[in-house]
Structure formats: structure tokens, C-alpha cells
Amino acid sequence: MSAYCWNRYWLGLVFAGLIFAAGCASPAPPRGGASQTEQLSKKQGFLESAGAGLASLPGKIIEGSQEGLEELSETSGYLLESATINIEDWPKRIIEDTKETFLKPDNMIALLLAGGASIAMHSSDADKELAENFDNPRVFHGFTDESLNVIGSPWTHLAASSLWYATSAKNQDEFNKQRAGAMLRALGVTSVITMSLKAIRDNDSPNGKKWAWPSAHAASSFTVASVLDEFYGPRVGIPSYAVASLVSYRMIDSGDHWGSDIIFGATLGWVVGHTFAGKHKELEVAGFKVVPYMAGNNGPAMGVSLVKRF
């Protein structure tokens, strides 16, 4: 049930309580005023009115719950239908995009440089010195610390992207559904690669946690920022990078990661995000790219055309 429905029902309950209290607390009439019988009659009227309001609440709550369940079922239906249509296409896309991401020369150079910097930092005292500088005093505490932890979580990003995809599918918004799909694929590849590298490296963080390198929070946050930057430009990209940087700073500040974990994680997220989003900026319908169309043989004409390679 929506928050509006709950607020409406609770507001009705409060008003019913106020009416009941007003009836019970009515002051005694002045001399020569209404008789005791009339006073009792008025109170009985208040009680009946309050009782009628309370009696109608369960029915309204049930009705609102049914509406909420129907809406949820409808949304889930659109999501399942959309997922079924794309389920055969997604694995192929993911494989192609992953190959392009990690075989592209510029991306390989960036990842190799970040990997080399990570090894150098962890093999020397650079990681330890950086961790000691962040040890006292900590910048983030309490609510701010936990908020950044949740905001930067890969699970948060996957949930938000899934909601974006489901809403777009329900509204038959092909443009945003394509973009949400690109975000989900980018996050999925980033998560798989990050967890694989963590299992292979299996080193401890400054505070003793397992599987430190690379940072999943940094990789996922920079994936989101890179995708948004590709899709919406600097106005959205710059604030997104700022949030991703705060999340990464928090991971070092809390002792959850070494500096080398952040460097490689952020680079990985940046590479995957830009490559996946850059390839799928264009709107696609059923696997066909939507491109502008212009013709002038029989007079000027403009429109769109569907293009697909076989």
C-alpha cells in the first residue's frame, strides 16, 4: 500500500479519536441550558459517529492493500515479460561487451597501470603509511559513515538499477529500459570480476577483513558514475564522480580497504562503465539501432530507421 493510503487511514483514525475525546470532555452546560438527557443524547451521537468511522477503517485498509498488490503484480509482470524477451540476447551482449572492454588497448593499458600501482603500493610501505594517516582522527562517524557505506554498496546499485529497469518496462519506455539494461550489465560484469580477483588475491584489509583487493565499493560506485557520465554528460557525471570519491575515501578512512584496493577498483569501474555505456548510448528496439533518416529524392523527408548487422 502506498504511503498516501496509510497516511489517509491513520489521519481518519486520529480524527475519530479527537471526536471521541471531544464528546467525552464536553463541559457542563450553564444553568438553564440543555438538560442532562440532551447532553447524553449528544454524547451518544459523537460515539456513534466515531464508531462508524472506526468500523469503516478495516474495509478501506483491505481495499488499499488489494490495490497495492495489484499494482505490484502488474509491475512484476512487466519486468518478467521484459526479462523473458531479452534473456536470450543478454548473455551474448555481456560476452561481447566484456571482450571489448578488456581487449581494447586503452582499457588494457589503464588496468595494467592501475594493477602495477597497486602492487607497488602494497609491496612498499605506501599502503601502511596511508592507513596510519587515516587512522586518527577518522573523518566520518556514525550516520554519515554508515550512509556512505550503503550508498556505495554494489547491492544498492543493483537494486536501484533493477527498479529503474522494471519501471521503464512497465511504462513501455524503451529508451530508459535500454539504459537501465546497460547499467545492470556493467554492474554485473564489474561485480563478477571484482569478486573473482578478491578470491584469487585473498589479502586482509587494515582492520582485518578478508578479500580486500580490489574494493567492490569503489569499483561499483565508479561504474555507476561512468555510466551516468556517458549517458547524461558532466552535469550528472561530475556529482556522481564526487559521490564515488567520497565512498572510496570512506573505505580507507574506516580501515576497510588499503589505498591500493581503491586505485584498482576505481579504475576497473571506470573502464567497464564507460565501455558498456558508450557502446549502448544509441536507442535500440528489438536489437535494431534507431538512427535518423533523411531523404530528398521526391521532396525532403525526415524520420527514423531501424538498422541491424547480421
Protein backbone atom coordinates (compact mmCIF):
# COMPACT_ATOMS: atom_id res chain seq x y z
CA MET A 1 0.00 0.00 0.00
CA SER A 2 1.27 3.49 -0.79
CA ALA A 3 2.35 5.94 1.88
CA TYR A 4 -0.57 8.18 0.84
CA CYS A 5 -3.11 5.47 1.67
CA TRP A 6 -1.55 4.76 5.07
CA ASN A 7 -1.47 8.46 5.92
CA ARG A 8 -5.14 8.79 4.94
CA TYR A 9 -6.23 5.89 7.13
CA TRP A 10 -4.18 6.97 10.13
CA LEU A 11 -5.48 10.53 9.73
CA GLY A 12 -9.03 9.17 9.82
CA LEU A 13 -8.21 7.24 12.97
CA VAL A 14 -6.77 10.33 14.63
CA PHE A 15 -9.84 12.39 13.74
CA ALA A 16 -12.11 9.69 15.12
CA GLY A 17 -10.12 9.72 18.36
CA LEU A 18 -10.36 13.50 18.58
CA ILE A 19 -14.13 13.38 18.05
CA PHE A 20 -14.46 10.74 20.74
CA ALA A 21 -12.32 12.80 23.15
CA ALA A 22 -14.29 15.95 22.39
CA GLY A 23 -17.53 14.15 23.15
CA CYS A 24 -16.27 12.80 26.46
CA ALA A 25 -14.72 16.08 27.53
CA SER A 26 -17.65 18.37 26.71
CA PRO A 27 -18.05 20.95 29.51
CA ALA A 28 -21.21 21.00 31.59
CA PRO A 29 -23.84 23.35 30.22
CA PRO A 30 -24.59 26.56 32.06
CA ARG A 31 -27.63 26.83 34.32
CA GLY A 32 -30.81 26.99 32.39
CA GLY A 33 -29.10 25.27 29.37
CA ALA A 34 -29.64 21.81 27.87
CA SER A 35 -30.96 19.08 30.14
CA GLN A 36 -28.97 16.01 31.17
CA THR A 37 -30.93 13.89 28.68
CA GLU A 38 -29.93 16.18 25.83
CA GLN A 39 -26.27 16.03 26.93
CA LEU A 40 -26.37 12.22 26.94
CA SER A 41 -28.01 12.24 23.52
CA LYS A 42 -25.23 14.45 22.09
CA LYS A 43 -22.54 12.21 23.56
CA GLN A 44 -24.22 9.14 22.15
CA GLY A 45 -24.22 10.83 18.72
CA PHE A 46 -20.49 11.50 18.99
CA LEU A 47 -19.83 7.88 19.95
CA GLU A 48 -21.88 6.54 17.07
CA SER A 49 -20.07 8.80 14.60
CA ALA A 50 -16.66 7.76 15.92
CA GLY A 51 -17.67 4.10 15.89
CA ALA A 52 -18.85 4.31 12.28
CA GLY A 53 -15.52 5.83 11.23
CA LEU A 54 -13.55 3.14 13.03
CA ALA A 55 -15.72 0.37 11.63
CA SER A 56 -15.04 1.52 8.06
CA LEU A 57 -11.25 1.53 8.50
CA PRO A 58 -10.64 -2.25 8.09
CA GLY A 59 -12.52 -2.28 4.81
CA LYS A 60 -10.55 0.69 3.50
CA ILE A 61 -7.26 -0.88 4.58
CA ILE A 62 -8.14 -4.16 2.85
CA GLU A 63 -9.21 -2.29 -0.28
CA GLY A 64 -5.99 -0.28 -0.33
CA SER A 65 -3.91 -3.44 0.23
CA GLN A 66 -5.60 -5.13 -2.72
CA GLU A 67 -4.85 -2.12 -4.93
CA GLY A 68 -1.21 -2.16 -3.82
CA LEU A 69 -0.89 -5.90 -4.51
CA GLU A 70 -2.46 -5.50 -7.93
CA GLU A 71 -0.03 -2.69 -8.79
CA LEU A 72 2.94 -4.76 -7.57
CA SER A 73 1.73 -7.77 -9.57
CA GLU A 74 1.37 -5.62 -12.69
CA THR A 75 4.89 -4.20 -12.28
CA SER A 76 6.34 -7.68 -11.71
CA GLY A 77 4.51 -8.91 -14.80
CA TYR A 78 6.06 -6.23 -17.00
CA LEU A 79 9.51 -6.99 -15.55
CA LEU A 80 9.17 -10.74 -16.10
CA GLU A 81 7.83 -10.23 -19.61
CA SER A 82 10.68 -7.88 -20.49
CA ALA A 83 13.27 -10.17 -18.93
CA THR A 84 11.89 -13.14 -20.86
CA ILE A 85 12.11 -11.26 -24.14
CA ASN A 86 15.74 -10.22 -23.51
CA ILE A 87 17.01 -13.34 -21.74
CA GLU A 88 18.45 -14.83 -24.94
CA ASP A 89 20.05 -11.57 -26.02
CA TRP A 90 21.71 -10.56 -22.74
CA PRO A 91 24.39 -13.31 -22.42
CA LYS A 92 25.59 -12.59 -25.95
CA ARG A 93 25.71 -8.87 -25.24
CA ILE A 94 27.57 -9.36 -21.97
CA ILE A 95 30.20 -11.56 -23.60
CA GLU A 96 30.70 -9.12 -26.48
CA ASP A 97 30.88 -6.10 -24.19
CA THR A 98 33.29 -7.85 -21.81
CA LYS A 99 35.61 -8.81 -24.67
CA GLU A 100 35.56 -5.26 -25.98
CA THR A 101 36.20 -3.88 -22.51
CA PHE A 102 39.27 -5.93 -21.70
CA LEU A 103 40.74 -6.33 -25.20
CA LYS A 104 40.57 -2.65 -26.04
CA PRO A 105 44.18 -1.33 -25.95
CA ASP A 106 43.40 1.85 -24.00
CA ASN A 107 41.49 -0.11 -21.37
CA MET A 108 44.23 -2.72 -21.06
CA ILE A 109 46.84 -0.02 -20.52
CA ALA A 110 44.74 1.70 -17.84
CA LEU A 111 44.13 -1.56 -15.97
CA LEU A 112 47.79 -2.63 -16.23
CA LEU A 113 48.94 0.74 -14.88
CA ALA A 114 46.44 0.57 -12.01
CA GLY A 115 47.47 -3.02 -11.26
CA GLY A 116 51.14 -2.07 -11.26
CA ALA A 117 50.49 0.90 -8.97
CA SER A 118 48.54 -1.36 -6.60
CA ILE A 119 51.36 -3.89 -6.43
CA ALA A 120 53.93 -1.18 -5.84
CA MET A 121 51.89 0.47 -3.08
CA HIS A 122 51.19 -2.79 -1.25
CA SER A 123 54.72 -4.16 -1.61
CA SER A 124 56.22 -0.96 -0.20
CA ASP A 125 55.23 0.95 2.91
CA ALA A 126 52.96 3.29 0.97
CA ASP A 127 49.75 1.42 1.86
CA LYS A 128 50.66 1.18 5.55
CA GLU A 129 51.66 4.83 5.80
CA LEU A 130 48.43 5.91 4.14
CA ALA A 131 46.40 3.73 6.51
CA GLU A 132 48.21 5.22 9.52
CA ASN A 133 47.45 8.75 8.34
CA PHE A 134 43.74 7.86 8.14
CA ASP A 135 43.77 6.05 11.48
CA ASN A 136 43.48 9.10 13.75
CA PRO A 137 41.31 11.03 13.67
CA ARG A 138 38.61 9.49 11.46
CA VAL A 139 36.65 11.91 9.28
CA PHE A 140 33.35 10.01 9.01
CA HIS A 141 31.41 8.73 12.02
CA GLY A 142 28.01 7.32 12.86
CA PHE A 143 25.21 8.09 10.44
CA THR A 144 27.45 9.68 7.76
CA ASP A 145 29.82 6.74 7.81
CA GLU A 146 27.04 4.16 7.51
CA SER A 147 25.20 6.19 4.85
CA LEU A 148 28.25 6.27 2.59
CA ASN A 149 28.73 2.55 3.17
CA VAL A 150 25.15 1.85 1.99
CA ILE A 151 25.26 4.35 -0.89
CA GLY A 152 28.45 2.77 -2.22
CA SER A 153 27.31 -0.84 -1.82
CA PRO A 154 27.09 -2.93 -5.02
CA TRP A 155 23.79 -4.34 -3.71
CA THR A 156 22.34 -0.83 -3.53
CA HIS A 157 23.41 -0.11 -7.11
CA LEU A 158 21.98 -3.38 -8.42
CA ALA A 159 18.67 -2.82 -6.60
CA ALA A 160 18.32 0.76 -7.87
CA SER A 161 19.17 -0.27 -11.45
CA SER A 162 16.68 -3.16 -11.29
CA LEU A 163 13.98 -0.74 -10.13
CA TRP A 164 14.89 1.62 -12.98
CA TYR A 165 14.61 -1.25 -15.46
CA ALA A 166 11.31 -2.53 -14.02
CA THR A 167 9.73 0.93 -14.02
CA SER A 168 10.83 1.57 -17.60
CA ALA A 169 9.48 -1.82 -18.70
CA LYS A 170 6.15 -1.13 -17.01
CA ASN A 171 5.85 2.28 -18.66
CA GLN A 172 6.98 0.81 -22.01
CA ASP A 173 9.80 3.35 -22.02
CA GLU A 174 12.24 1.62 -24.38
CA PHE A 175 14.81 4.42 -24.14
CA ASN A 176 15.28 4.20 -20.37
CA LYS A 177 14.91 0.42 -20.38
CA GLN A 178 17.91 0.18 -22.71
CA ARG A 179 19.94 2.46 -20.48
CA ALA A 180 18.95 0.62 -17.31
CA GLY A 181 19.87 -2.65 -19.01
CA ALA A 182 23.32 -1.29 -19.88
CA MET A 183 23.78 -0.22 -16.26
CA LEU A 184 22.77 -3.66 -14.98
CA ARG A 185 25.14 -5.45 -17.36
CA ALA A 186 28.02 -3.15 -16.45
CA LEU A 187 27.43 -3.65 -12.72
CA GLY A 188 27.11 -7.41 -13.19
CA VAL A 189 30.43 -7.70 -15.02
CA THR A 190 32.16 -5.42 -12.52
CA SER A 191 30.87 -7.49 -9.59
CA VAL A 192 31.90 -10.82 -11.11
CA ILE A 193 35.40 -9.62 -11.95
CA THR A 194 35.84 -7.93 -8.58
CA MET A 195 34.78 -11.00 -6.59
CA SER A 196 36.98 -13.26 -8.75
CA LEU A 197 40.03 -11.08 -8.14
CA LYS A 198 39.24 -10.93 -4.40
CA ALA A 199 39.16 -14.74 -4.21
CA ILE A 200 42.43 -15.04 -6.15
CA ARG A 201 44.31 -12.36 -4.17
CA ASP A 202 42.74 -13.15 -0.76
CA ASN A 203 44.53 -10.48 1.30
CA ASP A 204 43.42 -8.77 4.50
CA SER A 205 42.31 -5.15 4.90
CA PRO A 206 43.82 -2.79 7.53
CA ASN A 207 41.05 -3.72 10.00
CA GLY A 208 41.48 -7.45 9.41
CA LYS A 209 38.63 -8.15 6.97
CA LYS A 210 39.11 -10.77 4.25
CA TRP A 211 39.24 -10.29 0.47
CA ALA A 212 40.41 -6.69 0.43
CA TRP A 213 41.74 -6.26 -3.15
CA PRO A 214 40.13 -4.73 -5.12
CA SER A 215 37.46 -2.62 -3.42
CA ALA A 216 33.97 -3.66 -4.54
CA HIS A 217 32.50 -0.39 -3.22
CA ALA A 218 34.94 1.70 -5.29
CA ALA A 219 34.55 -0.45 -8.41
CA SER A 220 30.74 -0.41 -8.30
CA SER A 221 30.49 3.31 -7.43
CA PHE A 222 32.77 4.32 -10.29
CA THR A 223 30.89 2.02 -12.65
CA VAL A 224 27.67 3.86 -11.83
CA ALA A 225 29.36 7.26 -12.15
CA SER A 226 30.93 6.36 -15.51
CA VAL A 227 27.67 5.05 -16.97
CA LEU A 228 25.77 8.16 -15.84
CA ASP A 229 28.53 10.38 -17.22
CA GLU A 230 28.30 8.68 -20.63
CA PHE A 231 24.51 8.85 -20.72
CA TYR A 232 23.85 12.31 -19.26
CA GLY A 233 27.11 14.25 -19.53
CA PRO A 234 29.06 16.27 -16.95
CA ARG A 235 26.01 17.75 -15.19
CA VAL A 236 25.21 14.30 -13.83
CA GLY A 237 28.65 12.75 -14.22
CA ILE A 238 30.62 15.20 -12.06
CA PRO A 239 28.33 14.89 -8.99
CA SER A 240 28.34 11.11 -9.48
CA TYR A 241 32.13 11.01 -9.52
CA ALA A 242 32.16 13.20 -6.39
CA VAL A 243 29.93 10.70 -4.56
CA ALA A 244 32.05 7.78 -5.78
CA SER A 245 35.17 9.57 -4.50
CA LEU A 246 33.56 10.15 -1.09
CA VAL A 247 32.62 6.46 -0.90
CA SER A 248 36.22 5.50 -1.76
CA TYR A 249 37.61 7.94 0.80
CA ARG A 250 35.29 6.47 3.41
CA MET A 251 36.56 2.93 2.68
CA ILE A 252 40.13 4.00 3.51
CA ASP A 253 39.02 6.17 6.43
CA SER A 254 37.18 3.23 8.03
CA GLY A 255 40.09 0.83 7.54
CA ASP A 256 38.01 -1.40 5.26
CA HIS A 257 40.50 -1.04 2.39
CA TRP A 258 44.06 -0.15 1.53
CA GLY A 259 44.77 2.67 -0.88
CA SER A 260 45.86 0.12 -3.49
CA ASP A 261 42.44 -1.56 -3.29
CA ILE A 262 40.76 1.72 -4.12
CA ILE A 263 43.04 2.59 -7.04
CA PHE A 264 42.45 -0.63 -8.93
CA GLY A 265 38.74 -0.83 -8.01
CA ALA A 266 38.06 2.71 -9.20
CA THR A 267 39.96 2.13 -12.46
CA LEU A 268 38.11 -1.13 -13.11
CA GLY A 269 34.74 0.57 -12.55
CA TRP A 270 35.68 3.50 -14.78
CA VAL A 271 36.80 1.24 -17.63
CA VAL A 272 33.77 -1.06 -17.50
CA GLY A 273 31.24 1.75 -17.05
CA HIS A 274 32.48 3.91 -19.91
CA THR A 275 32.87 0.99 -22.31
CA PHE A 276 29.45 -0.55 -21.66
CA ALA A 277 27.56 2.76 -21.66
CA GLY A 278 29.49 4.20 -24.59
CA LYS A 279 28.56 1.22 -26.73
CA HIS A 280 24.86 1.40 -25.85
CA LYS A 281 24.18 5.12 -25.93
CA GLU A 282 22.05 4.70 -29.01
CA LEU A 283 18.46 3.61 -28.63
CA GLU A 284 17.74 0.03 -29.72
CA VAL A 285 14.40 -1.63 -30.39
CA ALA A 286 14.34 -5.44 -30.60
CA GLY A 287 18.08 -5.44 -31.37
CA PHE A 288 17.78 -2.77 -34.09
CA LYS A 289 19.52 0.58 -33.67
CA VAL A 290 17.28 3.60 -34.12
CA VAL A 291 19.07 6.14 -36.36
CA PRO A 292 17.93 9.39 -38.03
CA TYR A 293 16.68 9.08 -41.60
CA MET A 294 16.69 11.78 -44.30
CA ALA A 295 15.74 11.52 -47.97
CA GLY A 296 15.27 14.06 -50.74
CA ASN A 297 14.51 12.14 -53.94
CA ASN A 298 10.81 13.06 -54.03
CA GLY A 299 10.98 16.05 -51.78
CA PRO A 300 12.50 16.46 -48.33
CA ALA A 301 11.60 13.74 -45.81
CA MET A 302 12.81 13.10 -42.30
CA GLY A 303 12.24 10.28 -39.84
CA VAL A 304 13.97 7.32 -38.19
CA SER A 305 15.13 3.95 -39.46
CA LEU A 306 15.98 0.63 -37.82
CA VAL A 307 19.45 -0.79 -38.52
CA LYS A 308 20.92 -4.16 -37.53
CA ARG A 309 24.04 -6.08 -38.52
CA PHE A 310 23.77 -9.77 -39.35
